[in-house]
Amino acid sequence: MKIPYINLGLQHQKDKSDILAKISELLDSGMFILGDEVRQFEESFAALCQTKYAVGVANGTDALMLAMKSFGIGKGDEVITAPNSYLASASSIELIGATAVFADVRADFNIDPSEIEKKITNKTKAIIAVHLTGRPADMDAINKIAKKHNLHVIEDSAQAVGAKFNGISTGNLGDIGCFSLHPLKNLAAIGDAGIITTNDKKIYEWLLKARTHGMKSRDECEFWSLNSRLDAIQAAILNIKFKNLEAWTIRRREIAEKYIKAIGHFVQVPIENENEYSVYHTFIIQTKQRDDLMNYLAEHGIDSKIHYPIAIHQQEAAAYNKSAKENYPITNQQISQILTLPVYPELSDEQVDYIIETIQRFFTQ
């Protein structure tokens, strides 16, 4: 049996005719950027996150950059984030002229609040809390620290659309939420796309201008900014796919539960706390036999990945960063042991069982 790590083609089979019809309609209309489809998606997404506002942008990296810029963060400022995320969590900080400062993570892959406090200086302006793997970070502790030190809290929710902490949706747990809608995400466009959530009207109104060069009208520019608008075709596709999100999340959680029950005594598996609702963007196990297991799975037709084999602080691009030279023992340990199994909703029960049986066979042969 051949099981790819992801199969994006399968995801669109059910809605393919609707998607093609909508693209044809938009081609005839000539409405390609912003417009009604974007407004509809923004309204639906705000309702999902239980926020007052949502602003569609070009991608998740721009979402993070604009979120920080909305708070006036820039040159000379510091922003604390995790070193084990996808690199955009840190590159977005550097791209606006600020400095990324790293704090190590907990066993759940999310930033450790006790490590955050150690990194706060008089230059610190914000915390970017990454909900890695689709599991919410400890936002109660993070918000408490932020309030104590008068810091902004930005949620990097790229992997966590639909996740909840204490019953509250990601994107509504800090001052502002940033989502990627990249094709590999749980709710995905067929290209790059992103969205920002907030309850602050002033930030919302600023973002509407900031995503369009800083223009307050067709002819007037209030401040220099990015060109980061959500395309109407991507929004239209997201509107069609949005209705599947709940079912997709339920299926991801079903697969994760099967993995946890069947292989939890062979490898370290993620275990949710009672106040968490994970959406399993990735299902990451840990084992000291990672490389051998990965090779064994490949020999039996199962594709797996490592998220991520090189931490942000280890990247060549971060070599000049003082914080990157520090030690992050939990992150470093996890890098040598983590392995991501397929968990996409289109996996059949037969495929999931085959993955489980292959892992069990590896450890018992």
Protein backbone atom coordinates (compact mmCIF):
# COMPACT_ATOMS: atom_id res chain seq x y z
CA MET A 1 0.00 0.00 0.00
CA LYS A 2 1.27 3.48 -0.93
CA ILE A 3 0.27 6.29 1.42
CA PRO A 4 1.53 9.82 0.63
CA TYR A 5 2.06 12.27 3.46
CA ILE A 6 -0.58 14.53 1.92
CA ASN A 7 -2.93 14.22 -1.05
CA LEU A 8 -4.27 17.64 -2.00
CA GLY A 9 -6.03 16.37 -5.09
CA LEU A 10 -8.41 14.22 -3.06
CA GLN A 11 -9.50 17.20 -0.97
CA HIS A 12 -11.12 18.91 -3.94
CA GLN A 13 -12.94 16.03 -5.57
CA LYS A 14 -16.23 16.61 -3.77
CA ASP A 15 -16.37 20.34 -4.53
CA LYS A 16 -14.50 20.45 -7.84
CA SER A 17 -17.51 21.26 -10.01
CA ASP A 18 -18.63 24.04 -7.64
CA ILE A 19 -15.11 25.49 -7.54
CA LEU A 20 -14.76 25.48 -11.32
CA ALA A 21 -18.21 27.04 -11.74
CA LYS A 22 -17.33 29.79 -9.27
CA ILE A 23 -14.01 30.52 -11.01
CA SER A 24 -15.86 30.79 -14.33
CA GLU A 25 -18.35 33.18 -12.76
CA LEU A 26 -15.55 35.39 -11.41
CA LEU A 27 -13.75 35.38 -14.74
CA ASP A 28 -16.91 36.74 -16.36
CA SER A 29 -17.46 39.31 -13.59
CA GLY A 30 -13.94 40.77 -13.70
CA MET A 31 -13.90 41.00 -9.88
CA PHE A 32 -10.48 39.54 -9.03
CA ILE A 33 -9.27 41.39 -5.91
CA LEU A 34 -11.30 41.95 -2.71
CA GLY A 35 -15.04 42.34 -3.36
CA ASP A 36 -18.08 40.37 -2.19
CA GLU A 37 -16.39 36.96 -2.00
CA VAL A 38 -13.70 38.36 0.29
CA ARG A 39 -16.25 40.13 2.49
CA GLN A 40 -18.29 36.93 2.78
CA PHE A 41 -15.23 34.93 3.78
CA GLU A 42 -14.15 37.55 6.30
CA GLU A 43 -17.58 37.48 7.92
CA SER A 44 -17.63 33.67 8.08
CA PHE A 45 -14.12 33.52 9.49
CA ALA A 46 -14.84 36.15 12.14
CA ALA A 47 -17.89 34.13 13.18
CA LEU A 48 -15.76 30.98 13.40
CA CYS A 49 -13.25 32.71 15.67
CA GLN A 50 -15.98 34.60 17.56
CA THR A 51 -14.22 37.90 16.86
CA LYS A 52 -15.77 41.17 15.73
CA TYR A 53 -13.57 41.52 12.68
CA ALA A 54 -11.48 39.58 10.17
CA VAL A 55 -9.33 41.01 7.37
CA GLY A 56 -8.22 38.88 4.42
CA VAL A 57 -4.61 39.31 3.29
CA ALA A 58 -2.25 37.73 0.79
CA ASN A 59 -0.59 35.16 3.08
CA GLY A 60 0.19 34.22 6.67
CA THR A 61 3.57 35.96 6.75
CA ASP A 62 2.01 39.27 5.73
CA ALA A 63 -0.63 38.69 8.40
CA LEU A 64 2.08 38.54 11.07
CA MET A 65 3.93 41.56 9.69
CA LEU A 66 0.80 43.68 9.51
CA ALA A 67 -0.28 42.59 12.97
CA MET A 68 3.00 43.80 14.46
CA LYS A 69 2.98 47.00 12.43
CA SER A 70 -0.54 47.74 13.69
CA PHE A 71 0.99 48.06 17.15
CA GLY A 72 3.79 50.29 15.90
CA ILE A 73 6.44 47.61 16.35
CA GLY A 74 9.58 48.16 14.30
CA LYS A 75 13.27 48.98 14.44
CA GLY A 76 14.83 48.62 17.88
CA ASP A 77 11.95 46.55 19.27
CA GLU A 78 12.02 42.92 20.34
CA VAL A 79 9.34 40.26 19.90
CA ILE A 80 9.46 36.93 21.74
CA THR A 81 8.49 33.74 19.94
CA ALA A 82 9.27 30.01 19.79
CA PRO A 83 12.34 28.61 17.97
CA ASN A 84 10.67 25.40 16.73
CA SER A 85 7.98 26.88 14.49
CA TYR A 86 7.95 27.38 10.75
CA LEU A 87 10.46 30.13 10.02
CA ALA A 88 7.82 32.77 9.15
CA SER A 89 7.09 33.19 12.88
CA ALA A 90 10.54 34.76 13.22
CA SER A 91 11.24 36.07 9.70
CA SER A 92 8.17 38.31 9.90
CA ILE A 93 9.67 39.96 12.99
CA GLU A 94 12.99 40.60 11.28
CA LEU A 95 11.32 41.83 8.07
CA ILE A 96 9.67 44.75 9.88
CA GLY A 97 13.01 45.75 11.42
CA ALA A 98 12.45 44.30 14.90
CA THR A 99 14.48 41.51 16.54
CA ALA A 100 13.24 38.00 17.16
CA VAL A 101 13.96 36.70 20.66
CA PHE A 102 13.44 33.00 21.25
CA ALA A 103 12.00 31.23 24.29
CA ASP A 104 12.13 27.45 24.60
CA VAL A 105 9.06 25.25 24.42
CA ARG A 106 7.26 22.68 26.54
CA ALA A 107 6.73 19.01 25.79
CA ASP A 108 3.60 19.97 23.80
CA PHE A 109 5.80 21.92 21.29
CA ASN A 110 4.30 25.25 22.36
CA ILE A 111 6.21 28.14 23.89
CA ASP A 112 6.92 27.83 27.62
CA PRO A 113 5.48 30.83 29.51
CA SER A 114 8.14 30.53 32.22
CA GLU A 115 10.81 30.90 29.53
CA ILE A 116 9.09 33.97 28.09
CA GLU A 117 9.54 35.95 31.30
CA LYS A 118 13.27 35.28 31.27
CA LYS A 119 13.56 36.96 27.86
CA ILE A 120 11.65 40.17 28.54
CA THR A 121 13.67 43.40 28.35
CA ASN A 122 12.79 47.08 28.09
CA LYS A 123 12.82 46.58 24.29
CA THR A 124 10.21 43.82 24.31
CA LYS A 125 6.96 44.90 22.70
CA ALA A 126 5.06 41.69 21.97
CA ILE A 127 4.80 37.93 22.25
CA ILE A 128 3.99 35.80 19.22
CA ALA A 129 2.41 32.64 20.61
CA VAL A 130 2.49 29.86 18.02
CA HIS A 131 -0.22 27.21 18.27
CA LEU A 132 2.04 24.56 16.77
CA THR A 133 0.57 21.32 15.36
CA GLY A 134 -2.93 22.76 15.80
CA ARG A 135 -2.73 22.58 19.59
CA PRO A 136 -3.37 25.85 21.47
CA ALA A 137 -0.59 27.34 23.55
CA ASP A 138 -1.12 28.10 27.25
CA MET A 139 -2.82 31.42 26.60
CA ASP A 140 -3.91 32.05 30.19
CA ALA A 141 -0.29 32.11 31.35
CA ILE A 142 0.90 34.02 28.29
CA ASN A 143 -1.78 36.71 28.62
CA LYS A 144 -1.01 37.06 32.33
CA ILE A 145 2.67 37.70 31.56
CA ALA A 146 1.76 40.12 28.77
CA LYS A 147 -0.55 42.10 31.04
CA LYS A 148 2.09 42.26 33.76
CA HIS A 149 4.69 43.68 31.35
CA ASN A 150 2.31 45.67 29.12
CA LEU A 151 3.01 43.57 26.01
CA HIS A 152 0.90 42.81 22.97
CA VAL A 153 -0.08 39.19 22.30
CA ILE A 154 -0.17 38.01 18.70
CA GLU A 155 -1.42 34.51 17.92
CA ASP A 156 0.35 32.69 15.12
CA SER A 157 -2.60 30.46 14.37
CA ALA A 158 -1.38 29.28 10.97
CA GLN A 159 -1.78 25.64 12.00
CA ALA A 160 -4.72 26.06 14.34
CA VAL A 161 -7.87 27.16 12.54
CA GLY A 162 -10.77 25.89 14.64
CA ALA A 163 -8.69 25.01 17.69
CA LYS A 164 -9.90 26.12 21.12
CA PHE A 165 -8.49 26.90 24.55
CA ASN A 166 -10.93 26.98 27.47
CA GLY A 167 -13.70 26.92 24.88
CA ILE A 168 -12.43 30.06 23.14
CA SER A 169 -11.30 29.87 19.53
CA THR A 170 -7.76 30.59 18.46
CA GLY A 171 -7.59 34.02 16.89
CA ASN A 172 -9.66 35.33 19.83
CA LEU A 173 -7.23 34.49 22.63
CA GLY A 174 -4.81 37.41 22.29
CA ASP A 175 -4.89 40.95 20.90
CA ILE A 176 -4.79 39.82 17.29
CA GLY A 177 -4.81 36.48 15.44
CA CYS A 178 -2.89 35.59 12.28
CA PHE A 179 -3.81 32.67 10.03
CA SER A 180 -2.24 31.13 6.96
CA LEU A 181 -4.55 29.55 4.40
CA HIS A 182 -1.73 27.94 2.44
CA PRO A 183 -2.67 24.74 0.53
CA LEU A 184 -1.25 22.54 3.30
CA LYS A 185 -3.34 24.11 6.06
CA ASN A 186 -6.55 22.64 7.53
CA LEU A 187 -8.59 25.30 5.73
CA ALA A 188 -6.71 25.89 2.52
CA ALA A 189 -6.81 28.03 -0.57
CA ILE A 190 -5.37 26.71 -3.84
CA GLY A 191 -2.51 29.19 -3.53
CA ASP A 192 -1.31 31.61 -0.87
CA ALA A 193 -3.84 33.38 1.33
CA GLY A 194 -4.10 34.63 4.91
CA ILE A 195 -6.44 36.34 7.33
CA ILE A 196 -6.19 38.45 10.50
CA THR A 197 -8.74 38.50 13.35
CA THR A 198 -9.28 41.17 15.99
CA ASN A 199 -11.90 42.71 18.27
CA ASP A 200 -10.33 46.17 18.09
CA LYS A 201 -12.15 48.51 15.70
CA LYS A 202 -9.17 50.86 15.32
CA ILE A 203 -6.85 47.98 14.39
CA TYR A 204 -9.47 46.66 11.97
CA GLU A 205 -9.83 50.01 10.23
CA TRP A 206 -6.03 50.40 10.07
CA LEU A 207 -5.64 46.93 8.56
CA LEU A 208 -8.17 47.68 5.81
CA LYS A 209 -5.85 50.48 4.69
CA ALA A 210 -2.59 48.70 5.50
CA ARG A 211 -3.32 45.74 3.22
CA THR A 212 -3.74 48.18 0.29
CA HIS A 213 -0.57 50.29 0.35
CA GLY A 214 -1.92 52.41 3.22
CA MET A 215 -4.54 54.00 0.97
CA LYS A 216 -7.64 55.50 2.57
CA SER A 217 -9.32 56.08 -0.79
CA ARG A 218 -8.66 55.28 -4.45
CA ASP A 219 -6.34 58.30 -4.73
CA GLU A 220 -5.14 59.06 -1.18
CA CYS A 221 -2.36 57.27 0.70
CA GLU A 222 -2.26 57.83 4.45
CA PHE A 223 0.94 55.83 5.15
CA TRP A 224 3.33 53.51 3.29
CA SER A 225 2.37 49.86 3.56
CA LEU A 226 2.29 46.50 1.84
CA ASN A 227 0.19 45.36 -1.07
CA SER A 228 -1.37 42.33 0.61
CA ARG A 229 -4.90 41.80 -0.58
CA LEU A 230 -6.81 38.52 -0.65
CA ASP A 231 -7.72 37.52 -4.20
CA ALA A 232 -11.41 37.07 -4.89
CA ILE A 233 -10.86 33.67 -6.52
CA GLN A 234 -9.05 32.36 -3.42
CA ALA A 235 -11.78 33.77 -1.16
CA ALA A 236 -14.48 32.17 -3.32
CA ILE A 237 -12.76 28.79 -3.11
CA LEU A 238 -12.37 29.21 0.65
CA ASN A 239 -16.08 30.03 0.93
CA ILE A 240 -16.90 26.74 -0.79
CA LYS A 241 -14.45 24.72 1.28
CA PHE A 242 -15.39 26.44 4.55
CA LYS A 243 -18.49 24.30 4.95
CA ASN A 244 -16.27 21.21 5.16
CA LEU A 245 -14.02 22.48 7.93
CA GLU A 246 -15.93 21.02 10.87
CA ALA A 247 -16.15 17.57 9.28
CA TRP A 248 -12.48 17.69 8.32
CA THR A 249 -11.54 18.60 11.90
CA ILE A 250 -13.65 15.77 13.32
CA ARG A 251 -11.96 13.32 10.94
CA ARG A 252 -8.47 14.56 11.88
CA ARG A 253 -9.35 14.08 15.54
CA GLU A 254 -10.68 10.56 14.85
CA ILE A 255 -7.44 9.58 13.14
CA ALA A 256 -5.39 11.12 15.93
CA GLU A 257 -7.38 9.23 18.55
CA LYS A 258 -6.75 5.95 16.74
CA TYR A 259 -3.02 6.66 16.63
CA ILE A 260 -2.91 7.61 20.30
CA LYS A 261 -4.70 4.45 21.44
CA ALA A 262 -2.80 2.08 19.15
CA ILE A 263 0.81 3.30 19.28
CA GLY A 264 0.96 5.35 22.48
CA HIS A 265 2.85 2.63 24.32
CA PHE A 266 5.53 2.46 21.59
CA VAL A 267 6.16 6.18 21.00
CA GLN A 268 5.42 9.49 22.68
CA VAL A 269 2.12 10.80 21.33
CA PRO A 270 0.33 14.12 21.90
CA ILE A 271 -2.20 14.05 24.73
CA GLU A 272 -4.67 16.92 25.04
CA ASN A 273 -5.38 18.63 28.32
CA GLU A 274 -9.05 18.96 29.28
CA ASN A 275 -9.12 22.67 28.38
CA GLU A 276 -7.66 22.12 24.89
CA TYR A 277 -9.27 21.29 21.58
CA SER A 278 -6.62 20.43 19.02
CA VAL A 279 -7.25 20.33 15.27
CA TYR A 280 -4.18 18.16 14.48
CA HIS A 281 -2.74 20.09 11.58
CA THR A 282 0.12 17.68 12.14
CA PHE A 283 0.30 14.52 14.23
CA ILE A 284 3.82 14.41 15.65
CA ILE A 285 5.19 11.46 17.56
CA GLN A 286 8.56 11.23 19.31
CA THR A 287 10.92 8.30 19.49
CA LYS A 288 14.67 7.84 19.85
CA GLN A 289 14.39 5.42 16.93
CA ARG A 290 12.99 8.13 14.67
CA ASP A 291 15.32 7.70 11.70
CA ASP A 292 14.99 3.91 11.65
CA LEU A 293 11.21 4.15 11.96
CA MET A 294 11.01 6.74 9.20
CA ASN A 295 13.03 4.51 6.88
CA TYR A 296 10.93 1.47 7.79
CA LEU A 297 7.71 3.34 7.03
CA ALA A 298 9.12 4.46 3.68
CA GLU A 299 10.10 0.88 2.82
CA HIS A 300 6.48 -0.08 3.39
CA GLY A 301 5.06 2.72 1.25
CA ILE A 302 4.24 5.21 4.02
CA ASP A 303 5.48 8.77 3.62
CA SER A 304 6.27 10.72 6.79
CA LYS A 305 7.92 14.09 7.46
CA ILE A 306 9.88 15.99 10.10
CA HIS A 307 8.43 19.30 11.28
CA TYR A 308 11.01 20.79 11.48
CA PRO A 309 14.46 19.20 11.09
CA ILE A 310 16.26 22.55 11.47
CA ALA A 311 15.00 24.93 14.15
CA ILE A 312 14.74 28.64 13.40
CA HIS A 313 17.67 29.53 15.65
CA GLN A 314 19.81 27.03 13.75
CA GLN A 315 19.11 28.54 10.34
CA GLU A 316 21.88 30.36 8.48
CA ALA A 317 19.60 33.39 8.17
CA ALA A 318 19.50 33.70 11.98
CA ALA A 319 23.28 33.51 12.46
CA TYR A 320 23.57 37.20 13.37
CA ASN A 321 20.79 37.01 15.96
CA LYS A 322 22.12 37.05 19.51
CA SER A 323 19.17 35.04 20.81
CA ALA A 324 19.84 32.34 18.21
CA LYS A 325 23.18 31.55 19.86
CA GLU A 326 21.53 30.54 23.14
CA ASN A 327 20.64 26.97 24.11
CA TYR A 328 17.12 25.60 23.77
CA PRO A 329 17.33 22.12 25.30
CA ILE A 330 13.71 21.04 24.82
CA THR A 331 13.60 22.21 21.22
CA ASN A 332 16.96 20.58 20.48
CA GLN A 333 15.90 17.28 22.04
CA GLN A 334 12.62 17.22 20.16
CA ILE A 335 14.32 17.84 16.81
CA SER A 336 16.19 14.55 17.10
CA GLN A 337 13.04 12.55 17.91
CA ILE A 338 10.04 14.07 16.12
CA LEU A 339 8.24 12.38 13.23
CA THR A 340 5.01 13.51 11.58
CA LEU A 341 2.50 10.88 10.44
CA PRO A 342 -0.17 11.41 7.77
CA VAL A 343 -3.37 12.75 9.34
CA TYR A 344 -5.34 14.35 6.50
CA PRO A 345 -9.12 13.75 6.49
CA GLU A 346 -9.14 11.85 3.19
CA LEU A 347 -7.18 8.94 4.69
CA SER A 348 -9.32 5.82 4.72
CA ASP A 349 -9.71 3.63 7.79
CA GLU A 350 -7.80 0.96 5.90
CA GLN A 351 -4.87 3.31 5.36
CA VAL A 352 -4.84 4.44 8.98
CA ASP A 353 -4.91 0.82 10.15
CA TYR A 354 -2.03 -0.01 7.82
CA ILE A 355 0.06 2.85 9.24
CA ILE A 356 -0.69 1.67 12.77
CA GLU A 357 0.07 -1.97 12.00
CA THR A 358 3.36 -1.02 10.31
CA ILE A 359 4.49 0.99 13.34
CA GLN A 360 3.48 -1.80 15.70
CA ARG A 361 5.38 -4.30 13.57
CA PHE A 362 8.51 -2.11 13.65
CA PHE A 363 8.58 -2.08 17.44
CA THR A 364 7.61 -5.71 18.02
CA GLN A 365 9.57 -7.58 15.32
